[in-house]
Amino acid sequence: MTAPTLLDRFARQVADHPDAVALRHTGTSLTYRELDEWAGRLAARLAAKGTGPGSLVALAADRGPAAVAGVLAVLKTGAAYLDWTRRPPCGASGA
């Protein structure tokens, strides 16, 4: 038996607690259902462009709901993602 993936765990939360708050960020709240639906729409758009298992998707999003939805969307397609942040990590000069 394999350990559940992040996507497996998220799907379980959606099934068990669809109306519970999944995340809060700067005054915005999303339920598990809303986040799942958003990620599903993004995943469908990615899949329509050929994204799937074996694909690598660069994600460039500031921290927040869009980044979370983006990660989930990529995982839903079976692809992998590369965090392509717009800012250098803490302590990096960015040079």
PDB file of N, CA and C in Angstrom:
ATOM      1  N   MET A   1       0.842  -1.178   0.000  1.00  0.00           N
ATOM      2  CA  MET A   1       0.000   0.000   0.000  1.00  0.00           C
ATOM      3  C   MET A   1       0.891   1.247   0.000  1.00  0.00           C
ATOM      4  N   THR A   2       0.609   2.172  -0.895  1.00  0.00           N
ATOM      5  CA  THR A   2       1.415   3.383  -0.976  1.00  0.00           C
ATOM      6  C   THR A   2       0.819   4.478  -0.094  1.00  0.00           C
ATOM      7  N   ALA A   3       1.674   5.375   0.317  1.00  0.00           N
ATOM      8  CA  ALA A   3       1.231   6.504   1.139  1.00  0.00           C
ATOM      9  C   ALA A   3       0.382   7.445   0.286  1.00  0.00           C
ATOM     10  N   PRO A   4      -0.624   8.073   0.878  1.00  0.00           N
ATOM     11  CA  PRO A   4      -1.447   9.008   0.108  1.00  0.00           C
ATOM     12  C   PRO A   4      -0.634  10.221  -0.334  1.00  0.00           C
ATOM     13  N   THR A   5      -0.918  10.683  -1.523  1.00  0.00           N
ATOM     14  CA  THR A   5      -0.249  11.866  -2.056  1.00  0.00           C
ATOM     15  C   THR A   5      -0.928  13.128  -1.523  1.00  0.00           C
ATOM     16  N   LEU A   6      -0.325  14.261  -1.793  1.00  0.00           N
ATOM     17  CA  LEU A   6      -0.935  15.538  -1.434  1.00  0.00           C
ATOM     18  C   LEU A   6      -2.315  15.653  -2.072  1.00  0.00           C
ATOM     19  N   LEU A   7      -2.407  15.260  -3.333  1.00  0.00           N
ATOM     20  CA  LEU A   7      -3.683  15.337  -4.041  1.00  0.00           C
ATOM     21  C   LEU A   7      -4.716  14.388  -3.428  1.00  0.00           C
ATOM     22  N   ASP A   8      -4.283  13.197  -3.005  1.00  0.00           N
ATOM     23  CA  ASP A   8      -5.186  12.263  -2.322  1.00  0.00           C
ATOM     24  C   ASP A   8      -5.721  12.879  -1.031  1.00  0.00           C
ATOM     25  N   ARG A   9      -4.834  13.485  -0.276  1.00  0.00           N
ATOM     26  CA  ARG A   9      -5.234  14.089   1.004  1.00  0.00           C
ATOM     27  C   ARG A   9      -6.172  15.271   0.781  1.00  0.00           C
ATOM     28  N   PHE A  10      -5.883  16.064  -0.240  1.00  0.00           N
ATOM     29  CA  PHE A  10      -6.753  17.194  -0.553  1.00  0.00           C
ATOM     30  C   PHE A  10      -8.136  16.692  -0.968  1.00  0.00           C
ATOM     31  N   ALA A  11      -8.191  15.685  -1.822  1.00  0.00           N
ATOM     32  CA  ALA A  11      -9.474  15.127  -2.269  1.00  0.00           C
ATOM     33  C   ALA A  11     -10.283  14.600  -1.088  1.00  0.00           C
ATOM     34  N   ARG A  12      -9.606  14.017  -0.115  1.00  0.00           N
ATOM     35  CA  ARG A  12     -10.292  13.518   1.084  1.00  0.00           C
ATOM     36  C   ARG A  12     -10.916  14.676   1.858  1.00  0.00           C
ATOM     37  N   GLN A  13     -10.185  15.780   1.992  1.00  0.00           N
ATOM     38  CA  GLN A  13     -10.713  16.954   2.689  1.00  0.00           C
ATOM     39  C   GLN A  13     -11.915  17.532   1.942  1.00  0.00           C
ATOM     40  N   VAL A  14     -11.829  17.571   0.620  1.00  0.00           N
ATOM     41  CA  VAL A  14     -12.941  18.077  -0.189  1.00  0.00           C
ATOM     42  C   VAL A  14     -14.172  17.201   0.036  1.00  0.00           C
ATOM     43  N   ALA A  15     -13.977  15.891   0.035  1.00  0.00           N
ATOM     44  CA  ALA A  15     -15.094  14.963   0.215  1.00  0.00           C
ATOM     45  C   ALA A  15     -15.680  15.039   1.624  1.00  0.00           C
ATOM     46  N   ASP A  16     -14.810  15.134   2.623  1.00  0.00           N
ATOM     47  CA  ASP A  16     -15.266  15.103   4.013  1.00  0.00           C
ATOM     48  C   ASP A  16     -15.747  16.455   4.539  1.00  0.00           C
ATOM     49  N   HIS A  17     -15.150  17.538   4.043  1.00  0.00           N
ATOM     50  CA  HIS A  17     -15.441  18.873   4.583  1.00  0.00           C
ATOM     51  C   HIS A  17     -15.519  19.917   3.465  1.00  0.00           C
ATOM     52  N   PRO A  18     -16.404  19.745   2.497  1.00  0.00           N
ATOM     53  CA  PRO A  18     -16.410  20.635   1.329  1.00  0.00           C
ATOM     54  C   PRO A  18     -16.647  22.109   1.652  1.00  0.00           C
ATOM     55  N   ASP A  19     -17.382  22.389   2.706  1.00  0.00           N
ATOM     56  CA  ASP A  19     -17.713  23.779   3.023  1.00  0.00           C
ATOM     57  C   ASP A  19     -16.832  24.380   4.111  1.00  0.00           C
ATOM     58  N   ALA A  20     -15.844  23.622   4.570  1.00  0.00           N
ATOM     59  CA  ALA A  20     -14.892  24.148   5.552  1.00  0.00           C
ATOM     60  C   ALA A  20     -13.905  25.067   4.842  1.00  0.00           C
ATOM     61  N   VAL A  21     -13.389  26.034   5.569  1.00  0.00           N
ATOM     62  CA  VAL A  21     -12.412  26.953   4.992  1.00  0.00           C
ATOM     63  C   VAL A  21     -11.101  26.211   4.765  1.00  0.00           C
ATOM     64  N   ALA A  22     -10.641  26.244   3.525  1.00  0.00           N
ATOM     65  CA  ALA A  22      -9.386  25.588   3.154  1.00  0.00           C
ATOM     66  C   ALA A  22      -8.206  26.528   3.333  1.00  0.00           C
ATOM     67  N   LEU A  23      -8.425  27.810   3.023  1.00  0.00           N
ATOM     68  CA  LEU A  23      -7.350  28.784   3.197  1.00  0.00           C
ATOM     69  C   LEU A  23      -7.914  30.181   3.356  1.00  0.00           C
ATOM     70  N   ARG A  24      -7.131  30.979   4.047  1.00  0.00           N
ATOM     71  CA  ARG A  24      -7.428  32.402   4.223  1.00  0.00           C
ATOM     72  C   ARG A  24      -6.174  33.167   3.854  1.00  0.00           C
ATOM     73  N   HIS A  25      -6.364  34.257   3.121  1.00  0.00           N
ATOM     74  CA  HIS A  25      -5.213  35.074   2.729  1.00  0.00           C
ATOM     75  C   HIS A  25      -5.689  36.496   2.474  1.00  0.00           C
ATOM     76  N   THR A  26      -5.116  37.436   3.169  1.00  0.00           N
ATOM     77  CA  THR A  26      -5.417  38.866   3.038  1.00  0.00           C
ATOM     78  C   THR A  26      -6.911  39.153   2.848  1.00  0.00           C
ATOM     79  N   GLY A  27      -7.702  38.660   3.769  1.00  0.00           N
ATOM     80  CA  GLY A  27      -9.130  38.936   3.740  1.00  0.00           C
ATOM     81  C   GLY A  27      -9.949  38.042   2.830  1.00  0.00           C
ATOM     82  N   THR A  28      -9.320  37.130   2.130  1.00  0.00           N
ATOM     83  CA  THR A  28     -10.020  36.206   1.240  1.00  0.00           C
ATOM     84  C   THR A  28     -10.073  34.830   1.878  1.00  0.00           C
ATOM     85  N   SER A  29     -11.228  34.189   1.798  1.00  0.00           N
ATOM     86  CA  SER A  29     -11.373  32.814   2.278  1.00  0.00           C
ATOM     87  C   SER A  29     -11.916  31.956   1.147  1.00  0.00           C
ATOM     88  N   LEU A  30     -11.418  30.745   1.050  1.00  0.00           N
ATOM     89  CA  LEU A  30     -11.926  29.775   0.083  1.00  0.00           C
ATOM     90  C   LEU A  30     -12.220  28.476   0.813  1.00  0.00           C
ATOM     91  N   THR A  31     -13.347  27.860   0.475  1.00  0.00           N
ATOM     92  CA  THR A  31     -13.654  26.548   1.030  1.00  0.00           C
ATOM     93  C   THR A  31     -12.915  25.486   0.221  1.00  0.00           C
ATOM     94  N   TYR A  32     -12.903  24.279   0.755  1.00  0.00           N
ATOM     95  CA  TYR A  32     -12.283  23.181   0.012  1.00  0.00           C
ATOM     96  C   TYR A  32     -12.980  22.987  -1.331  1.00  0.00           C
ATOM     97  N   ARG A  33     -14.300  23.100  -1.344  1.00  0.00           N
ATOM     98  CA  ARG A  33     -15.043  22.938  -2.600  1.00  0.00           C
ATOM     99  C   ARG A  33     -14.644  24.016  -3.611  1.00  0.00           C
ATOM    100  N   GLU A  34     -14.593  25.274  -3.167  1.00  0.00           N
ATOM    101  CA  GLU A  34     -14.237  26.374  -4.069  1.00  0.00           C
ATOM    102  C   GLU A  34     -12.820  26.217  -4.609  1.00  0.00           C
ATOM    103  N   LEU A  35     -11.902  25.860  -3.728  1.00  0.00           N
ATOM    104  CA  LEU A  35     -10.516  25.672  -4.157  1.00  0.00           C
ATOM    105  C   LEU A  35     -10.408  24.507  -5.135  1.00  0.00           C
ATOM    106  N   ASP A  36     -11.126  23.427  -4.867  1.00  0.00           N
ATOM    107  CA  ASP A  36     -11.113  22.264  -5.758  1.00  0.00           C
ATOM    108  C   ASP A  36     -11.700  22.613  -7.124  1.00  0.00           C
ATOM    109  N   GLU A  37     -12.787  23.372  -7.136  1.00  0.00           N
ATOM    110  CA  GLU A  37     -13.398  23.760  -8.410  1.00  0.00           C
ATOM    111  C   GLU A  37     -12.471  24.674  -9.210  1.00  0.00           C
ATOM    112  N   TRP A  38     -11.829  25.622  -8.531  1.00  0.00           N
ATOM    113  CA  TRP A  38     -10.883  26.523  -9.199  1.00  0.00           C
ATOM    114  C   TRP A  38      -9.726  25.721  -9.789  1.00  0.00           C
ATOM    115  N   ALA A  39      -9.152  24.839  -8.968  1.00  0.00           N
ATOM    116  CA  ALA A  39      -8.041  24.013  -9.447  1.00  0.00           C
ATOM    117  C   ALA A  39      -8.487  23.109 -10.594  1.00  0.00           C
ATOM    118  N   GLY A  40      -9.705  22.610 -10.529  1.00  0.00           N
ATOM    119  CA  GLY A  40     -10.228  21.764 -11.607  1.00  0.00           C
ATOM    120  C   GLY A  40     -10.357  22.517 -12.921  1.00  0.00           C
ATOM    121  N   ARG A  41     -10.820  23.768 -12.848  1.00  0.00           N
ATOM    122  CA  ARG A  41     -10.921  24.580 -14.073  1.00  0.00           C
ATOM    123  C   ARG A  41      -9.539  24.849 -14.661  1.00  0.00           C
ATOM    124  N   LEU A  42      -8.587  25.180 -13.787  1.00  0.00           N
ATOM    125  CA  LEU A  42      -7.218  25.409 -14.269  1.00  0.00           C
ATOM    126  C   LEU A  42      -6.623  24.134 -14.858  1.00  0.00           C
ATOM    127  N   ALA A  43      -6.869  23.003 -14.204  1.00  0.00           N
ATOM    128  CA  ALA A  43      -6.350  21.720 -14.695  1.00  0.00           C
ATOM    129  C   ALA A  43      -6.920  21.402 -16.075  1.00  0.00           C
ATOM    130  N   ALA A  44      -8.192  21.690 -16.276  1.00  0.00           N
ATOM    131  CA  ALA A  44      -8.812  21.436 -17.584  1.00  0.00           C
ATOM    132  C   ALA A  44      -8.160  22.297 -18.664  1.00  0.00           C
ATOM    133  N   ARG A  45      -7.858  23.548 -18.330  1.00  0.00           N
ATOM    134  CA  ARG A  45      -7.196  24.428 -19.302  1.00  0.00           C
ATOM    135  C   ARG A  45      -5.789  23.927 -19.617  1.00  0.00           C
ATOM    136  N   LEU A  46      -5.073  23.489 -18.583  1.00  0.00           N
ATOM    137  CA  LEU A  46      -3.730  22.946 -18.806  1.00  0.00           C
ATOM    138  C   LEU A  46      -3.787  21.684 -19.664  1.00  0.00           C
ATOM    139  N   ALA A  47      -4.718  20.797 -19.342  1.00  0.00           N
ATOM    140  CA  ALA A  47      -4.845  19.543 -20.092  1.00  0.00           C
ATOM    141  C   ALA A  47      -5.206  19.816 -21.551  1.00  0.00           C
ATOM    142  N   ALA A  48      -6.033  20.830 -21.784  1.00  0.00           N
ATOM    143  CA  ALA A  48      -6.418  21.177 -23.154  1.00  0.00           C
ATOM    144  C   ALA A  48      -5.218  21.648 -23.972  1.00  0.00           C
ATOM    145  N   LYS A  49      -4.193  22.127 -23.286  1.00  0.00           N
ATOM    146  CA  LYS A  49      -2.975  22.565 -23.971  1.00  0.00           C
ATOM    147  C   LYS A  49      -1.913  21.465 -24.004  1.00  0.00           C
ATOM    148  N   GLY A  50      -2.299  20.252 -23.578  1.00  0.00           N
ATOM    149  CA  GLY A  50      -1.391  19.116 -23.675  1.00  0.00           C
ATOM    150  C   GLY A  50      -0.625  18.779 -22.413  1.00  0.00           C
ATOM    151  N   THR A  51      -0.919  19.443 -21.319  1.00  0.00           N
ATOM    152  CA  THR A  51      -0.225  19.149 -20.063  1.00  0.00           C
ATOM    153  C   THR A  51      -0.744  17.846 -19.483  1.00  0.00           C
ATOM    154  N   GLY A  52       0.176  16.998 -19.061  1.00  0.00           N
ATOM    155  CA  GLY A  52      -0.202  15.722 -18.472  1.00  0.00           C
ATOM    156  C   GLY A  52       1.010  15.046 -17.877  1.00  0.00           C
ATOM    157  N   PRO A  53       0.899  13.756 -17.563  1.00  0.00           N
ATOM    158  CA  PRO A  53       2.037  13.035 -17.000  1.00  0.00           C
ATOM    159  C   PRO A  53       3.279  13.203 -17.875  1.00  0.00           C
ATOM    160  N   GLY A  54       4.394  13.502 -17.234  1.00  0.00           N
ATOM    161  CA  GLY A  54       5.638  13.728 -17.955  1.00  0.00           C
ATOM    162  C   GLY A  54       5.886  15.188 -18.278  1.00  0.00           C
ATOM    163  N   SER A  55       4.867  16.035 -18.106  1.00  0.00           N
ATOM    164  CA  SER A  55       5.027  17.472 -18.353  1.00  0.00           C
ATOM    165  C   SER A  55       5.608  18.152 -17.120  1.00  0.00           C
ATOM    166  N   LEU A  56       6.283  19.268 -17.347  1.00  0.00           N
ATOM    167  CA  LEU A  56       6.791  20.116 -16.272  1.00  0.00           C
ATOM    168  C   LEU A  56       6.235  21.509 -16.502  1.00  0.00           C
ATOM    169  N   VAL A  57       5.554  22.049 -15.505  1.00  0.00           N
ATOM    170  CA  VAL A  57       4.913  23.356 -15.614  1.00  0.00           C
ATOM    171  C   VAL A  57       5.614  24.322 -14.673  1.00  0.00           C
ATOM    172  N   ALA A  58       6.047  25.467 -15.198  1.00  0.00           N
ATOM    173  CA  ALA A  58       6.636  26.513 -14.362  1.00  0.00           C
ATOM    174  C   ALA A  58       5.507  27.371 -13.810  1.00  0.00           C
ATOM    175  N   LEU A  59       5.451  27.499 -12.491  1.00  0.00           N
ATOM    176  CA  LEU A  59       4.435  28.329 -11.846  1.00  0.00           C
ATOM    177  C   LEU A  59       5.083  29.611 -11.350  1.00  0.00           C
ATOM    178  N   ALA A  60       4.556  30.741 -11.792  1.00  0.00           N
ATOM    179  CA  ALA A  60       5.041  32.045 -11.343  1.00  0.00           C
ATOM    180  C   ALA A  60       3.867  32.771 -10.705  1.00  0.00           C
ATOM    181  N   ALA A  61       3.747  32.658  -9.406  1.00  0.00           N
ATOM    182  CA  ALA A  61       2.646  33.303  -8.693  1.00  0.00           C
ATOM    183  C   ALA A  61       3.127  33.711  -7.314  1.00  0.00           C
ATOM    184  N   ASP A  62       2.651  34.853  -6.865  1.00  0.00           N
ATOM    185  CA  ASP A  62       2.942  35.259  -5.500  1.00  0.00           C
ATOM    186  C   ASP A  62       2.246  34.303  -4.548  1.00  0.00           C
ATOM    187  N   ARG A  63       2.718  34.251  -3.325  1.00  0.00           N
ATOM    188  CA  ARG A  63       2.072  33.398  -2.334  1.00  0.00           C
ATOM    189  C   ARG A  63       0.623  33.820  -2.168  1.00  0.00           C
ATOM    190  N   GLY A  64      -0.248  32.842  -2.114  1.00  0.00           N
ATOM    191  CA  GLY A  64      -1.662  33.135  -1.941  1.00  0.00           C
ATOM    192  C   GLY A  64      -2.522  32.092  -2.608  1.00  0.00           C
ATOM    193  N   PRO A  65      -3.822  32.353  -2.681  1.00  0.00           N
ATOM    194  CA  PRO A  65      -4.759  31.387  -3.244  1.00  0.00           C
ATOM    195  C   PRO A  65      -4.441  30.963  -4.676  1.00  0.00           C
ATOM    196  N   ALA A  66      -4.002  31.885  -5.514  1.00  0.00           N
ATOM    197  CA  ALA A  66      -3.704  31.528  -6.908  1.00  0.00           C
ATOM    198  C   ALA A  66      -2.559  30.525  -6.993  1.00  0.00           C
ATOM    199  N   ALA A  67      -1.562  30.688  -6.143  1.00  0.00           N
ATOM    200  CA  ALA A  67      -0.439  29.745  -6.142  1.00  0.00           C
ATOM    201  C   ALA A  67      -0.898  28.360  -5.701  1.00  0.00           C
ATOM    202  N   VAL A  68      -1.740  28.305  -4.678  1.00  0.00           N
ATOM    203  CA  VAL A  68      -2.247  27.017  -4.191  1.00  0.00           C
ATOM    204  C   VAL A  68      -3.099  26.350  -5.267  1.00  0.00           C
ATOM    205  N   ALA A  69      -3.996  27.115  -5.884  1.00  0.00           N
ATOM    206  CA  ALA A  69      -4.835  26.561  -6.957  1.00  0.00           C
ATOM    207  C   ALA A  69      -3.970  26.087  -8.120  1.00  0.00           C
ATOM    208  N   GLY A  70      -2.922  26.830  -8.425  1.00  0.00           N
ATOM    209  CA  GLY A  70      -2.028  26.445  -9.514  1.00  0.00           C
ATOM    210  C   GLY A  70      -1.312  25.135  -9.249  1.00  0.00           C
ATOM    211  N   VAL A  71      -0.789  24.976  -8.043  1.00  0.00           N
ATOM    212  CA  VAL A  71      -0.109  23.722  -7.685  1.00  0.00           C
ATOM    213  C   VAL A  71      -1.086  22.556  -7.780  1.00  0.00           C
ATOM    214  N   LEU A  72      -2.266  22.720  -7.198  1.00  0.00           N
ATOM    215  CA  LEU A  72      -3.260  21.642  -7.255  1.00  0.00           C
ATOM    216  C   LEU A  72      -3.655  21.324  -8.695  1.00  0.00           C
ATOM    217  N   ALA A  73      -3.798  22.351  -9.521  1.00  0.00           N
ATOM    218  CA  ALA A  73      -4.173  22.141 -10.924  1.00  0.00           C
ATOM    219  C   ALA A  73      -3.122  21.313 -11.653  1.00  0.00           C
ATOM    220  N   VAL A  74      -1.870  21.667 -11.470  1.00  0.00           N
ATOM    221  CA  VAL A  74      -0.798  20.916 -12.131  1.00  0.00           C
ATOM    222  C   VAL A  74      -0.817  19.466 -11.660  1.00  0.00           C
ATOM    223  N   LEU A  75      -0.946  19.261 -10.356  1.00  0.00           N
ATOM    224  CA  LEU A  75      -0.971  17.895  -9.827  1.00  0.00           C
ATOM    225  C   LEU A  75      -2.164  17.113 -10.361  1.00  0.00           C
ATOM    226  N   LYS A  76      -3.301  17.778 -10.539  1.00  0.00           N
ATOM    227  CA  LYS A  76      -4.489  17.101 -11.080  1.00  0.00           C
ATOM    228  C   LYS A  76      -4.252  16.595 -12.503  1.00  0.00           C
ATOM    229  N   THR A  77      -3.384  17.254 -13.259  1.00  0.00           N
ATOM    230  CA  THR A  77      -3.100  16.799 -14.628  1.00  0.00           C
ATOM    231  C   THR A  77      -2.107  15.642 -14.648  1.00  0.00           C
ATOM    232  N   GLY A  78      -1.460  15.389 -13.513  1.00  0.00           N
ATOM    233  CA  GLY A  78      -0.441  14.349 -13.461  1.00  0.00           C
ATOM    234  C   GLY A  78       0.945  14.875 -13.770  1.00  0.00           C
ATOM    235  N   ALA A  79       1.051  16.179 -14.008  1.00  0.00           N
ATOM    236  CA  ALA A  79       2.335  16.799 -14.325  1.00  0.00           C
ATOM    237  C   ALA A  79       3.073  17.167 -13.042  1.00  0.00           C
ATOM    238  N   ALA A  80       4.287  17.639 -13.213  1.00  0.00           N
ATOM    239  CA  ALA A  80       5.087  18.168 -12.109  1.00  0.00           C
ATOM    240  C   ALA A  80       5.181  19.679 -12.293  1.00  0.00           C
ATOM    241  N   TYR A  81       5.526  20.380 -11.208  1.00  0.00           N
ATOM    242  CA  TYR A  81       5.645  21.827 -11.328  1.00  0.00           C
ATOM    243  C   TYR A  81       6.995  22.301 -10.818  1.00  0.00           C
ATOM    244  N   LEU A  82       7.403  23.434 -11.343  1.00  0.00           N
ATOM    245  CA  LEU A  82       8.619  24.113 -10.928  1.00  0.00           C
ATOM    246  C   LEU A  82       8.192  25.453 -10.362  1.00  0.00           C
ATOM    247  N   ASP A  83       8.559  25.720  -9.114  1.00  0.00           N
ATOM    248  CA  ASP A  83       8.209  26.987  -8.475  1.00  0.00           C
ATOM    249  C   ASP A  83       9.103  28.080  -9.049  1.00  0.00           C
ATOM    250  N   TRP A  84       8.526  28.918  -9.864  1.00  0.00           N
ATOM    251  CA  TRP A  84       9.253  29.992 -10.527  1.00  0.00           C
ATOM    252  C   TRP A  84       8.769  31.304  -9.921  1.00  0.00           C
ATOM    253  N   THR A  85       9.183  31.550  -8.681  1.00  0.00           N
ATOM    254  CA  THR A  85       8.703  32.723  -7.962  1.00  0.00           C
ATOM    255  C   THR A  85       9.251  34.002  -8.568  1.00  0.00           C
ATOM    256  N   ARG A  86       8.514  35.048  -8.348  1.00  0.00           N
ATOM    257  CA  ARG A  86       8.903  36.353  -8.882  1.00  0.00           C
ATOM    258  C   ARG A  86       9.914  37.049  -7.987  1.00  0.00           C
ATOM    259  N   ARG A  87      10.051  36.567  -6.765  1.00  0.00           N
ATOM    260  CA  ARG A  87      10.990  37.165  -5.825  1.00  0.00           C
ATOM    261  C   ARG A  87      11.993  36.111  -5.390  1.00  0.00           C
ATOM    262  N   PRO A  88      13.217  36.541  -5.084  1.00  0.00           N
ATOM    263  CA  PRO A  88      14.192  35.565  -4.583  1.00  0.00           C
ATOM    264  C   PRO A  88      13.787  35.077  -3.200  1.00  0.00           C
ATOM    265  N   PRO A  89      14.208  33.871  -2.822  1.00  0.00           N
ATOM    266  CA  PRO A  89      13.898  33.369  -1.488  1.00  0.00           C
ATOM    267  C   PRO A  89      14.531  34.248  -0.418  1.00  0.00           C
ATOM    268  N   CYS A  90      14.040  34.138   0.798  1.00  0.00           N
ATOM    269  CA  CYS A  90      14.582  34.918   1.912  1.00  0.00           C
ATOM    270  C   CYS A  90      16.092  34.714   1.999  1.00  0.00           C
ATOM    271  N   GLY A  91      16.809  35.794   2.136  1.00  0.00           N
ATOM    272  CA  GLY A  91      18.257  35.714   2.280  1.00  0.00           C
ATOM    273  C   GLY A  91      19.008  35.741   0.963  1.00  0.00           C
ATOM    274  N   ALA A  92      18.315  35.577  -0.159  1.00  0.00           N
ATOM    275  CA  ALA A  92      18.992  35.617  -1.459  1.00  0.00           C
ATOM    276  C   ALA A  92      19.050  37.054  -1.948  1.00  0.00           C
ATOM    277  N   SER A  93      20.100  37.391  -2.626  1.00  0.00           N
ATOM    278  CA  SER A  93      20.272  38.773  -3.072  1.00  0.00           C
ATOM    279  C   SER A  93      19.471  39.087  -4.324  1.00  0.00           C
ATOM    280  N   GLY A  94      19.121  38.067  -5.087  1.00  0.00           N
ATOM    281  CA  GLY A  94      18.393  38.296  -6.329  1.00  0.00           C
ATOM    282  C   GLY A  94      19.290  38.754  -7.460  1.00  0.00           C
ATOM    283  N   ALA A  95      20.588  38.790  -7.211  1.00  0.00           N
ATOM    284  CA  ALA A  95      21.531  39.239  -8.246  1.00  0.00           C
ATOM    285  C   ALA A  95      21.945  38.104  -9.144  1.00  0.00           C
TER     286      ALA A  95
END
